[in-house]
């Protein structure tokens, strides 16, 4: 068994033009970028959020990216960045969803609650589809408005 020192992890959170960074600008010298299987897992990671949110009516959208993060956090910097970004964004949207439902229950803030829940679904679908397209190109998508929980 040979011992190889662990390489420092690149920081994928720095914002690039258009809200995304290319993986090529952060990879180590000699690396060929994300492999096709990494791209596929990243696409599934981004699409697992909306899929889980649809199945659970908006309550478990963060679960898929969290599972991928736990599995690949030490194996692939590309998947680590993709799953952490998707998880952070989904938690932020989950909080917006909870606030929207609280507003609906209070009756007086019913219109505000409807707007928040509509914004939740629009942001969920649009941003995750954009992220899946970027992942297919080997790019790490930087979601707008995300709480930095996982890195």
Protein backbone atom coordinates (compact mmCIF):
# COMPACT_ATOMS: atom_id res chain seq x y z
CA UNK A 1 0.00 0.00 0.00
CA UNK A 2 1.46 3.34 -0.96
CA UNK A 3 0.75 6.56 0.81
CA UNK A 4 -0.09 9.60 -1.29
CA UNK A 5 -0.45 12.95 0.45
CA UNK A 6 -3.84 14.51 -0.03
CA UNK A 7 -3.90 17.45 -2.43
CA UNK A 8 -5.45 20.71 -1.24
CA UNK A 9 -9.03 21.09 -2.40
CA UNK A 10 -9.74 23.89 -4.87
CA UNK A 11 -12.33 26.48 -3.95
CA UNK A 12 -15.25 26.26 -6.37
CA UNK A 13 -17.34 28.95 -4.71
CA UNK A 14 -15.66 31.94 -6.32
CA UNK A 15 -18.11 33.56 -8.67
CA UNK A 16 -17.47 33.65 -12.36
CA UNK A 17 -19.26 35.46 -15.12
CA UNK A 18 -22.86 34.38 -15.36
CA UNK A 19 -22.90 32.73 -11.93
CA UNK A 20 -20.84 29.68 -12.83
CA UNK A 21 -17.23 28.60 -12.94
CA UNK A 22 -15.62 26.19 -15.32
CA UNK A 23 -14.06 23.16 -13.71
CA UNK A 24 -11.07 23.62 -16.03
CA UNK A 25 -10.05 26.82 -14.26
CA UNK A 26 -9.75 25.03 -10.90
CA UNK A 27 -8.43 21.56 -11.61
CA UNK A 28 -4.97 20.35 -10.73
CA UNK A 29 -2.26 20.20 -13.36
CA UNK A 30 -2.34 16.92 -15.25
CA UNK A 31 -6.02 16.26 -14.56
CA UNK A 32 -8.32 15.83 -17.53
CA UNK A 33 -11.35 17.44 -15.89
CA UNK A 34 -14.53 15.74 -14.78
CA UNK A 35 -15.08 12.32 -16.31
CA UNK A 36 -18.36 11.38 -17.96
CA UNK A 37 -19.53 9.44 -14.91
CA UNK A 38 -18.83 12.48 -12.70
CA UNK A 39 -20.85 14.65 -15.08
CA UNK A 40 -23.72 12.17 -14.97
CA UNK A 41 -23.73 12.07 -11.16
CA UNK A 42 -23.57 15.89 -11.07
CA UNK A 43 -26.56 16.13 -13.42
CA UNK A 44 -28.50 13.67 -11.27
CA UNK A 45 -27.49 15.64 -8.17
CA UNK A 46 -28.91 18.86 -9.59
CA UNK A 47 -32.09 17.18 -10.80
CA UNK A 48 -32.63 15.23 -7.57
CA UNK A 49 -33.58 18.46 -5.77
CA UNK A 50 -36.62 19.28 -7.92
CA UNK A 51 -37.58 15.62 -8.21
CA UNK A 52 -37.57 15.11 -4.44
CA UNK A 53 -39.37 18.42 -3.94
CA UNK A 54 -42.13 17.36 -6.36
CA UNK A 55 -42.52 13.96 -4.70
CA UNK A 56 -42.49 15.39 -1.16
CA UNK A 57 -44.44 18.58 -2.02
CA UNK A 58 -41.42 20.78 -1.38
CA UNK A 59 -40.16 19.34 1.89
CA UNK A 60 -37.25 17.00 1.01
CA UNK A 61 -35.53 18.69 -1.94
CA UNK A 62 -32.22 18.90 -0.09
CA UNK A 63 -31.93 15.15 0.57
CA UNK A 64 -30.54 14.01 -2.82
CA UNK A 65 -27.65 16.49 -2.96
CA UNK A 66 -26.82 15.72 0.69
CA UNK A 67 -26.53 11.99 -0.04
CA UNK A 68 -24.27 12.66 -3.05
CA UNK A 69 -22.14 15.02 -0.97
CA UNK A 70 -21.66 12.37 1.74
CA UNK A 71 -20.65 9.75 -0.84
CA UNK A 72 -18.36 11.85 -3.08
CA UNK A 73 -17.02 14.63 -0.83
CA UNK A 74 -13.55 13.07 -0.64
CA UNK A 75 -13.55 11.35 -4.04
CA UNK A 76 -14.24 14.14 -6.52
CA UNK A 77 -13.80 17.90 -6.11
CA UNK A 78 -16.21 18.47 -8.99
CA UNK A 79 -18.99 16.44 -7.37
CA UNK A 80 -18.23 17.92 -3.98
CA UNK A 81 -18.75 21.42 -5.33
CA UNK A 82 -21.84 20.49 -7.34
CA UNK A 83 -23.57 18.66 -4.49
CA UNK A 84 -22.65 21.27 -1.86
CA UNK A 85 -24.02 24.07 -4.05
CA UNK A 86 -27.23 22.16 -4.76
CA UNK A 87 -27.70 21.31 -1.07
CA UNK A 88 -27.07 24.89 0.09
CA UNK A 89 -29.51 26.25 -2.51
CA UNK A 90 -32.17 23.68 -1.63
CA UNK A 91 -31.94 24.48 2.08
CA UNK A 92 -32.33 28.18 1.27
CA UNK A 93 -35.39 27.42 -0.84
CA UNK A 94 -36.76 25.13 1.87
CA UNK A 95 -36.62 28.04 4.33
CA UNK A 96 -38.46 30.24 1.80
CA UNK A 97 -41.08 27.50 1.41
CA UNK A 98 -41.58 27.22 5.19
CA UNK A 99 -41.95 30.99 5.51
CA UNK A 100 -44.46 30.95 2.64
CA UNK A 101 -46.57 28.27 4.34
CA UNK A 102 -46.44 30.14 7.65
CA UNK A 103 -47.70 33.25 5.84
CA UNK A 104 -50.53 31.27 4.26
CA UNK A 105 -51.59 29.86 7.64
CA UNK A 106 -51.73 33.35 9.17
CA UNK A 107 -54.46 34.28 6.63
CA UNK A 108 -53.59 38.00 6.66
CA UNK A 109 -50.32 37.31 4.86
CA UNK A 110 -51.94 34.85 2.43
CA UNK A 111 -50.94 36.85 -0.71
CA UNK A 112 -47.33 37.08 0.51
CA UNK A 113 -47.30 33.35 1.16
CA UNK A 114 -48.57 32.60 -2.34
CA UNK A 115 -45.87 34.79 -3.86
CA UNK A 116 -43.15 33.10 -1.79
CA UNK A 117 -44.32 29.60 -2.71
CA UNK A 118 -44.58 30.54 -6.39
CA UNK A 119 -41.06 32.01 -6.25
CA UNK A 120 -39.88 28.79 -4.57
CA UNK A 121 -41.12 26.60 -7.43
CA UNK A 122 -39.88 28.92 -10.19
CA UNK A 123 -36.40 29.23 -8.66
CA UNK A 124 -36.28 25.51 -7.93
CA UNK A 125 -37.03 24.46 -11.48
CA UNK A 126 -35.15 27.16 -13.40
CA UNK A 127 -31.94 27.13 -11.37
CA UNK A 128 -31.68 23.35 -11.17
CA UNK A 129 -32.22 22.93 -14.91
CA UNK A 130 -29.55 25.56 -15.59
CA UNK A 131 -27.21 23.80 -13.16
CA UNK A 132 -27.79 20.41 -14.84
CA UNK A 133 -26.94 21.89 -18.24
CA UNK A 134 -23.75 23.43 -16.85
CA UNK A 135 -22.82 20.12 -15.18
CA UNK A 136 -23.21 18.38 -18.52
CA UNK A 137 -20.60 20.81 -19.87
CA UNK A 138 -18.24 20.05 -16.98
CA UNK A 139 -18.85 23.38 -15.27
CA UNK A 140 -19.68 24.02 -11.63
CA UNK A 141 -22.82 26.14 -11.39
CA UNK A 142 -22.95 28.75 -8.67
CA UNK A 143 -26.50 29.04 -7.45
CA UNK A 144 -27.87 32.48 -6.58
CA UNK A 145 -28.78 33.11 -2.94
CA UNK A 146 -27.51 30.13 -1.01
CA UNK A 147 -26.66 29.73 2.65
CA UNK A 148 -23.08 28.40 2.91
CA UNK A 149 -23.73 25.26 4.97
CA UNK A 150 -21.69 22.68 3.05
CA UNK A 151 -18.45 23.59 1.35
